[in-house]
Amino acid sequence: MFPLAVAGGTGPWRPFAVLTLGEALDGPDPDVRFDAVRHPPPQLVADGPMALFRAPAYAAAREGRAAARGEPAGR
């Protein structure tokens, strides 16, 4: 079990979830993507200097995945 926590700026860390790992599944992993810009976790807001890089980084990742699949950008 791994506790997950968040802190805003220089504020204290607040736990918001626990990650529990189970046994490995057979077969390949599904192609799952997490986009914290389009789908931020509830009540969590990007904060600090790195937040400025998040939106462009996620947009570039979306465009790269679309290009790799031969799809138009912006989907």
PDB file of N, CA and C in Angstrom:
ATOM      1  N   MET A   1       0.850  -1.178   0.000  1.00  0.00           N
ATOM      2  CA  MET A   1       0.000   0.000   0.000  1.00  0.00           C
ATOM      3  C   MET A   1       0.892   1.235   0.000  1.00  0.00           C
ATOM      4  N   PHE A   2       0.494   2.202  -0.841  1.00  0.00           N
ATOM      5  CA  PHE A   2       1.253   3.433  -0.976  1.00  0.00           C
ATOM      6  C   PHE A   2       0.320   4.614  -0.769  1.00  0.00           C
ATOM      7  N   PRO A   3       0.536   5.401   0.283  1.00  0.00           N
ATOM      8  CA  PRO A   3      -0.305   6.581   0.468  1.00  0.00           C
ATOM      9  C   PRO A   3       0.059   7.654  -0.563  1.00  0.00           C
ATOM     10  N   LEU A   4      -0.948   8.319  -1.116  1.00  0.00           N
ATOM     11  CA  LEU A   4      -0.748   9.419  -2.052  1.00  0.00           C
ATOM     12  C   LEU A   4      -1.161  10.706  -1.363  1.00  0.00           C
ATOM     13  N   ALA A   5      -0.345  11.744  -1.531  1.00  0.00           N
ATOM     14  CA  ALA A   5      -0.598  13.006  -0.842  1.00  0.00           C
ATOM     15  C   ALA A   5      -0.350  14.167  -1.793  1.00  0.00           C
ATOM     16  N   VAL A   6      -0.912  15.317  -1.456  1.00  0.00           N
ATOM     17  CA  VAL A   6      -0.761  16.529  -2.255  1.00  0.00           C
ATOM     18  C   VAL A   6      -0.477  17.694  -1.306  1.00  0.00           C
ATOM     19  N   ALA A   7       0.288  18.663  -1.817  1.00  0.00           N
ATOM     20  CA  ALA A   7       0.566  19.878  -1.045  1.00  0.00           C
ATOM     21  C   ALA A   7       0.466  21.058  -1.997  1.00  0.00           C
ATOM     22  N   GLY A   8      -0.054  22.154  -1.523  1.00  0.00           N
ATOM     23  CA  GLY A   8      -0.139  23.368  -2.318  1.00  0.00           C
ATOM     24  C   GLY A   8       0.951  24.337  -1.919  1.00  0.00           C
ATOM     25  N   GLY A   9       1.781  24.734  -2.901  1.00  0.00           N
ATOM     26  CA  GLY A   9       2.854  25.686  -2.594  1.00  0.00           C
ATOM     27  C   GLY A   9       3.757  25.149  -1.505  1.00  0.00           C
ATOM     28  N   THR A  10       3.830  25.873  -0.417  1.00  0.00           N
ATOM     29  CA  THR A  10       4.654  25.433   0.718  1.00  0.00           C
ATOM     30  C   THR A  10       3.790  24.889   1.847  1.00  0.00           C
ATOM     31  N   GLY A  11       2.518  24.590   1.532  1.00  0.00           N
ATOM     32  CA  GLY A  11       1.594  24.075   2.544  1.00  0.00           C
ATOM     33  C   GLY A  11       1.909  22.638   2.935  1.00  0.00           C
ATOM     34  N   PRO A  12       1.196  22.133   3.912  1.00  0.00           N
ATOM     35  CA  PRO A  12       1.440  20.766   4.383  1.00  0.00           C
ATOM     36  C   PRO A  12       0.919  19.722   3.392  1.00  0.00           C
ATOM     37  N   TRP A  13       1.492  18.543   3.443  1.00  0.00           N
ATOM     38  CA  TRP A  13       1.030  17.424   2.616  1.00  0.00           C
ATOM     39  C   TRP A  13      -0.268  16.891   3.199  1.00  0.00           C
ATOM     40  N   ARG A  14      -1.253  16.636   2.310  1.00  0.00           N
ATOM     41  CA  ARG A  14      -2.542  16.093   2.728  1.00  0.00           C
ATOM     42  C   ARG A  14      -2.791  14.787   1.976  1.00  0.00           C
ATOM     43  N   PRO A  15      -3.015  13.692   2.702  1.00  0.00           N
ATOM     44  CA  PRO A  15      -3.305  12.432   2.012  1.00  0.00           C
ATOM     45  C   PRO A  15      -4.663  12.502   1.323  1.00  0.00           C
ATOM     46  N   PHE A  16      -4.760  11.899   0.105  1.00  0.00           N
ATOM     47  CA  PHE A  16      -6.043  11.891  -0.596  1.00  0.00           C
ATOM     48  C   PHE A  16      -6.414  10.517  -1.129  1.00  0.00           C
ATOM     49  N   ALA A  17      -5.497   9.554  -1.086  1.00  0.00           N
ATOM     50  CA  ALA A  17      -5.814   8.208  -1.578  1.00  0.00           C
ATOM     51  C   ALA A  17      -4.731   7.239  -1.120  1.00  0.00           C
ATOM     52  N   VAL A  18      -5.028   5.962  -1.269  1.00  0.00           N
ATOM     53  CA  VAL A  18      -4.054   4.900  -1.005  1.00  0.00           C
ATOM     54  C   VAL A  18      -4.015   4.008  -2.238  1.00  0.00           C
ATOM     55  N   LEU A  19      -2.822   3.784  -2.758  1.00  0.00           N
ATOM     56  CA  LEU A  19      -2.621   2.919  -3.912  1.00  0.00           C
ATOM     57  C   LEU A  19      -2.267   1.531  -3.410  1.00  0.00           C
ATOM     58  N   THR A  20      -3.057   0.549  -3.806  1.00  0.00           N
ATOM     59  CA  THR A  20      -2.818  -0.835  -3.406  1.00  0.00           C
ATOM     60  C   THR A  20      -2.537  -1.650  -4.654  1.00  0.00           C
ATOM     61  N   LEU A  21      -1.415  -2.346  -4.670  1.00  0.00           N
ATOM     62  CA  LEU A  21      -1.048  -3.179  -5.805  1.00  0.00           C
ATOM     63  C   LEU A  21      -1.455  -4.612  -5.532  1.00  0.00           C
ATOM     64  N   GLY A  22      -1.966  -5.254  -6.566  1.00  0.00           N
ATOM     65  CA  GLY A  22      -2.356  -6.654  -6.455  1.00  0.00           C
ATOM     66  C   GLY A  22      -1.423  -7.521  -7.273  1.00  0.00           C
ATOM     67  N   GLU A  23      -1.876  -8.732  -7.574  1.00  0.00           N
ATOM     68  CA  GLU A  23      -1.082  -9.646  -8.377  1.00  0.00           C
ATOM     69  C   GLU A  23      -1.052  -9.178  -9.827  1.00  0.00           C
ATOM     70  N   ALA A  24       0.009  -9.537 -10.532  1.00  0.00           N
ATOM     71  CA  ALA A  24       0.139  -9.179 -11.941  1.00  0.00           C
ATOM     72  C   ALA A  24      -0.942  -9.900 -12.752  1.00  0.00           C
ATOM     73  N   LEU A  25      -1.477  -9.198 -13.730  1.00  0.00           N
ATOM     74  CA  LEU A  25      -2.485  -9.772 -14.607  1.00  0.00           C
ATOM     75  C   LEU A  25      -1.807 -10.401 -15.819  1.00  0.00           C
ATOM     76  N   ASP A  26      -2.439 -11.396 -16.387  1.00  0.00           N
ATOM     77  CA  ASP A  26      -1.920 -12.017 -17.601  1.00  0.00           C
ATOM     78  C   ASP A  26      -2.233 -11.138 -18.805  1.00  0.00           C
ATOM     79  N   GLY A  27      -1.393 -11.210 -19.799  1.00  0.00           N
ATOM     80  CA  GLY A  27      -1.635 -10.481 -21.036  1.00  0.00           C
ATOM     81  C   GLY A  27      -1.065  -9.080 -20.998  1.00  0.00           C
ATOM     82  N   PRO A  28      -1.110  -8.397 -22.143  1.00  0.00           N
ATOM     83  CA  PRO A  28      -0.561  -7.035 -22.216  1.00  0.00           C
ATOM     84  C   PRO A  28      -1.450  -6.037 -21.485  1.00  0.00           C
ATOM     85  N   ASP A  29      -0.836  -4.989 -21.017  1.00  0.00           N
ATOM     86  CA  ASP A  29      -1.582  -3.909 -20.372  1.00  0.00           C
ATOM     87  C   ASP A  29      -2.389  -3.148 -21.424  1.00  0.00           C
ATOM     88  N   PRO A  30      -3.571  -2.661 -21.067  1.00  0.00           N
ATOM     89  CA  PRO A  30      -4.335  -1.841 -22.016  1.00  0.00           C
ATOM     90  C   PRO A  30      -3.639  -0.494 -22.217  1.00  0.00           C
ATOM     91  N   ASP A  31      -3.940   0.165 -23.316  1.00  0.00           N
ATOM     92  CA  ASP A  31      -3.366   1.466 -23.619  1.00  0.00           C
ATOM     93  C   ASP A  31      -4.158   2.528 -22.861  1.00  0.00           C
ATOM     94  N   VAL A  32      -3.749   2.801 -21.629  1.00  0.00           N
ATOM     95  CA  VAL A  32      -4.446   3.749 -20.760  1.00  0.00           C
ATOM     96  C   VAL A  32      -3.595   5.001 -20.624  1.00  0.00           C
ATOM     97  N   ARG A  33      -4.222   6.155 -20.774  1.00  0.00           N
ATOM     98  CA  ARG A  33      -3.534   7.443 -20.635  1.00  0.00           C
ATOM     99  C   ARG A  33      -4.255   8.271 -19.575  1.00  0.00           C
ATOM    100  N   PHE A  34      -3.476   9.003 -18.807  1.00  0.00           N
ATOM    101  CA  PHE A  34      -4.034   9.894 -17.799  1.00  0.00           C
ATOM    102  C   PHE A  34      -3.673  11.318 -18.179  1.00  0.00           C
ATOM    103  N   ASP A  35      -4.659  12.166 -18.313  1.00  0.00           N
ATOM    104  CA  ASP A  35      -4.445  13.554 -18.712  1.00  0.00           C
ATOM    105  C   ASP A  35      -4.948  14.457 -17.595  1.00  0.00           C
ATOM    106  N   ALA A  36      -4.024  14.919 -16.778  1.00  0.00           N
ATOM    107  CA  ALA A  36      -4.383  15.740 -15.622  1.00  0.00           C
ATOM    108  C   ALA A  36      -4.800  17.150 -16.014  1.00  0.00           C
ATOM    109  N   VAL A  37      -4.598  17.540 -17.273  1.00  0.00           N
ATOM    110  CA  VAL A  37      -5.043  18.858 -17.726  1.00  0.00           C
ATOM    111  C   VAL A  37      -6.516  18.799 -18.117  1.00  0.00           C
ATOM    112  N   ARG A  38      -6.877  17.807 -18.937  1.00  0.00           N
ATOM    113  CA  ARG A  38      -8.275  17.672 -19.348  1.00  0.00           C
ATOM    114  C   ARG A  38      -9.155  17.055 -18.267  1.00  0.00           C
ATOM    115  N   HIS A  39      -8.573  16.222 -17.430  1.00  0.00           N
ATOM    116  CA  HIS A  39      -9.336  15.515 -16.396  1.00  0.00           C
ATOM    117  C   HIS A  39      -8.604  15.599 -15.058  1.00  0.00           C
ATOM    118  N   PRO A  40      -8.560  16.783 -14.443  1.00  0.00           N
ATOM    119  CA  PRO A  40      -7.848  16.895 -13.165  1.00  0.00           C
ATOM    120  C   PRO A  40      -8.578  16.140 -12.052  1.00  0.00           C
ATOM    121  N   PRO A  41      -7.829  15.620 -11.090  1.00  0.00           N
ATOM    122  CA  PRO A  41      -8.477  14.979  -9.949  1.00  0.00           C
ATOM    123  C   PRO A  41      -9.343  16.001  -9.203  1.00  0.00           C
ATOM    124  N   PRO A  42     -10.473  15.568  -8.646  1.00  0.00           N
ATOM    125  CA  PRO A  42     -11.353  16.495  -7.937  1.00  0.00           C
ATOM    126  C   PRO A  42     -10.621  17.239  -6.821  1.00  0.00           C
ATOM    127  N   GLN A  43     -10.840  18.514  -6.752  1.00  0.00           N
ATOM    128  CA  GLN A  43     -10.328  19.389  -5.695  1.00  0.00           C
ATOM    129  C   GLN A  43      -8.814  19.534  -5.697  1.00  0.00           C
ATOM    130  N   LEU A  44      -8.136  19.093  -6.768  1.00  0.00           N
ATOM    131  CA  LEU A  44      -6.687  19.282  -6.875  1.00  0.00           C
ATOM    132  C   LEU A  44      -6.410  20.233  -8.030  1.00  0.00           C
ATOM    133  N   VAL A  45      -5.605  21.250  -7.773  1.00  0.00           N
ATOM    134  CA  VAL A  45      -5.277  22.248  -8.778  1.00  0.00           C
ATOM    135  C   VAL A  45      -3.763  22.280  -8.937  1.00  0.00           C
ATOM    136  N   ALA A  46      -3.298  22.314 -10.193  1.00  0.00           N
ATOM    137  CA  ALA A  46      -1.859  22.427 -10.424  1.00  0.00           C
ATOM    138  C   ALA A  46      -1.361  23.718  -9.797  1.00  0.00           C
ATOM    139  N   ASP A  47      -0.231  23.646  -9.114  1.00  0.00           N
ATOM    140  CA  ASP A  47       0.275  24.783  -8.361  1.00  0.00           C
ATOM    141  C   ASP A  47       1.782  24.855  -8.546  1.00  0.00           C
ATOM    142  N   GLY A  48       2.334  26.037  -8.411  1.00  0.00           N
ATOM    143  CA  GLY A  48       3.777  26.204  -8.445  1.00  0.00           C
ATOM    144  C   GLY A  48       4.317  26.384  -9.847  1.00  0.00           C
ATOM    145  N   PRO A  49       5.639  26.567  -9.947  1.00  0.00           N
ATOM    146  CA  PRO A  49       6.246  26.860 -11.237  1.00  0.00           C
ATOM    147  C   PRO A  49       6.071  25.751 -12.267  1.00  0.00           C
ATOM    148  N   MET A  50       6.040  24.505 -11.865  1.00  0.00           N
ATOM    149  CA  MET A  50       5.905  23.407 -12.820  1.00  0.00           C
ATOM    150  C   MET A  50       4.522  23.380 -13.467  1.00  0.00           C
ATOM    151  N   ALA A  51       3.532  24.001 -12.843  1.00  0.00           N
ATOM    152  CA  ALA A  51       2.186  24.034 -13.414  1.00  0.00           C
ATOM    153  C   ALA A  51       2.181  24.753 -14.764  1.00  0.00           C
ATOM    154  N   LEU A  52       3.101  25.694 -14.968  1.00  0.00           N
ATOM    155  CA  LEU A  52       3.179  26.413 -16.237  1.00  0.00           C
ATOM    156  C   LEU A  52       3.545  25.484 -17.395  1.00  0.00           C
ATOM    157  N   PHE A  53       4.252  24.403 -17.106  1.00  0.00           N
ATOM    158  CA  PHE A  53       4.697  23.474 -18.138  1.00  0.00           C
ATOM    159  C   PHE A  53       3.711  22.334 -18.383  1.00  0.00           C
ATOM    160  N   ARG A  54       2.785  22.154 -17.477  1.00  0.00           N
ATOM    161  CA  ARG A  54       1.904  20.985 -17.560  1.00  0.00           C
ATOM    162  C   ARG A  54       1.035  21.001 -18.811  1.00  0.00           C
ATOM    163  N   ALA A  55       0.291  22.071 -19.065  1.00  0.00           N
ATOM    164  CA  ALA A  55      -0.627  22.100 -20.210  1.00  0.00           C
ATOM    165  C   ALA A  55       0.116  21.906 -21.535  1.00  0.00           C
ATOM    166  N   PRO A  56       1.220  22.624 -21.807  1.00  0.00           N
ATOM    167  CA  PRO A  56       1.926  22.384 -23.069  1.00  0.00           C
ATOM    168  C   PRO A  56       2.509  20.972 -23.165  1.00  0.00           C
ATOM    169  N   ALA A  57       2.959  20.414 -22.067  1.00  0.00           N
ATOM    170  CA  ALA A  57       3.527  19.063 -22.089  1.00  0.00           C
ATOM    171  C   ALA A  57       2.460  18.025 -22.408  1.00  0.00           C
ATOM    172  N   TYR A  58       1.299  18.141 -21.788  1.00  0.00           N
ATOM    173  CA  TYR A  58       0.223  17.196 -22.065  1.00  0.00           C
ATOM    174  C   TYR A  58      -0.294  17.362 -23.495  1.00  0.00           C
ATOM    175  N   ALA A  59      -0.363  18.602 -23.993  1.00  0.00           N
ATOM    176  CA  ALA A  59      -0.802  18.838 -25.372  1.00  0.00           C
ATOM    177  C   ALA A  59       0.182  18.195 -26.350  1.00  0.00           C
ATOM    178  N   ALA A  60       1.475  18.336 -26.100  1.00  0.00           N
ATOM    179  CA  ALA A  60       2.479  17.723 -26.971  1.00  0.00           C
ATOM    180  C   ALA A  60       2.386  16.205 -26.930  1.00  0.00           C
ATOM    181  N   ALA A  61       2.127  15.643 -25.760  1.00  0.00           N
ATOM    182  CA  ALA A  61       1.983  14.189 -25.648  1.00  0.00           C
ATOM    183  C   ALA A  61       0.765  13.705 -26.426  1.00  0.00           C
ATOM    184  N   ARG A  62      -0.356  14.443 -26.338  1.00  0.00           N
ATOM    185  CA  ARG A  62      -1.549  14.064 -27.108  1.00  0.00           C
ATOM    186  C   ARG A  62      -1.264  14.105 -28.603  1.00  0.00           C
ATOM    187  N   GLU A  63      -0.586  15.158 -29.062  1.00  0.00           N
ATOM    188  CA  GLU A  63      -0.263  15.282 -30.487  1.00  0.00           C
ATOM    189  C   GLU A  63       0.672  14.168 -30.938  1.00  0.00           C
ATOM    190  N   GLY A  64       1.658  13.824 -30.106  1.00  0.00           N
ATOM    191  CA  GLY A  64       2.590  12.753 -30.455  1.00  0.00           C
ATOM    192  C   GLY A  64       1.890  11.409 -30.577  1.00  0.00           C
ATOM    193  N   ARG A  65       0.984  11.119 -29.660  1.00  0.00           N
ATOM    194  CA  ARG A  65       0.239   9.847 -29.732  1.00  0.00           C
ATOM    195  C   ARG A  65      -0.643   9.813 -30.970  1.00  0.00           C
ATOM    196  N   ALA A  66      -1.293  10.957 -31.296  1.00  0.00           N
ATOM    197  CA  ALA A  66      -2.152  11.004 -32.480  1.00  0.00           C
ATOM    198  C   ALA A  66      -1.305  10.804 -33.742  1.00  0.00           C
ATOM    199  N   ALA A  67      -0.150  11.438 -33.807  1.00  0.00           N
ATOM    200  CA  ALA A  67       0.725  11.291 -34.982  1.00  0.00           C
ATOM    201  C   ALA A  67       1.192   9.853 -35.130  1.00  0.00           C
ATOM    202  N   ALA A  68       1.506   9.189 -34.020  1.00  0.00           N
ATOM    203  CA  ALA A  68       1.966   7.806 -34.071  1.00  0.00           C
ATOM    204  C   ALA A  68       0.871   6.882 -34.599  1.00  0.00           C
ATOM    205  N   ARG A  69      -0.378   7.247 -34.361  1.00  0.00           N
ATOM    206  CA  ARG A  69      -1.505   6.434 -34.852  1.00  0.00           C
ATOM    207  C   ARG A  69      -1.990   6.900 -36.221  1.00  0.00           C
ATOM    208  N   GLY A  70      -1.369   7.974 -36.763  1.00  0.00           N
ATOM    209  CA  GLY A  70      -1.783   8.489 -38.061  1.00  0.00           C
ATOM    210  C   GLY A  70      -3.084   9.252 -38.016  1.00  0.00           C
ATOM    211  N   GLU A  71      -3.421   9.796 -36.831  1.00  0.00           N
ATOM    212  CA  GLU A  71      -4.664  10.556 -36.672  1.00  0.00           C
ATOM    213  C   GLU A  71      -4.361  12.050 -36.687  1.00  0.00           C
ATOM    214  N   PRO A  72      -5.360  12.870 -37.009  1.00  0.00           N
ATOM    215  CA  PRO A  72      -5.137  14.323 -36.947  1.00  0.00           C
ATOM    216  C   PRO A  72      -4.970  14.783 -35.510  1.00  0.00           C
ATOM    217  N   ALA A  73      -4.185  15.820 -35.326  1.00  0.00           N
ATOM    218  CA  ALA A  73      -3.959  16.364 -33.973  1.00  0.00           C
ATOM    219  C   ALA A  73      -5.232  17.027 -33.466  1.00  0.00           C
ATOM    220  N   GLY A  74      -5.330  17.167 -32.165  1.00  0.00           N
ATOM    221  CA  GLY A  74      -6.449  17.863 -31.550  1.00  0.00           C
ATOM    222  C   GLY A  74      -7.651  17.014 -31.209  1.00  0.00           C
ATOM    223  N   ARG A  75      -7.513  15.696 -31.282  1.00  0.00           N
ATOM    224  CA  ARG A  75      -8.645  14.826 -30.946  1.00  0.00           C
ATOM    225  C   ARG A  75      -8.768  14.627 -29.482  1.00  0.00           C
TER     226      ARG A  75
END
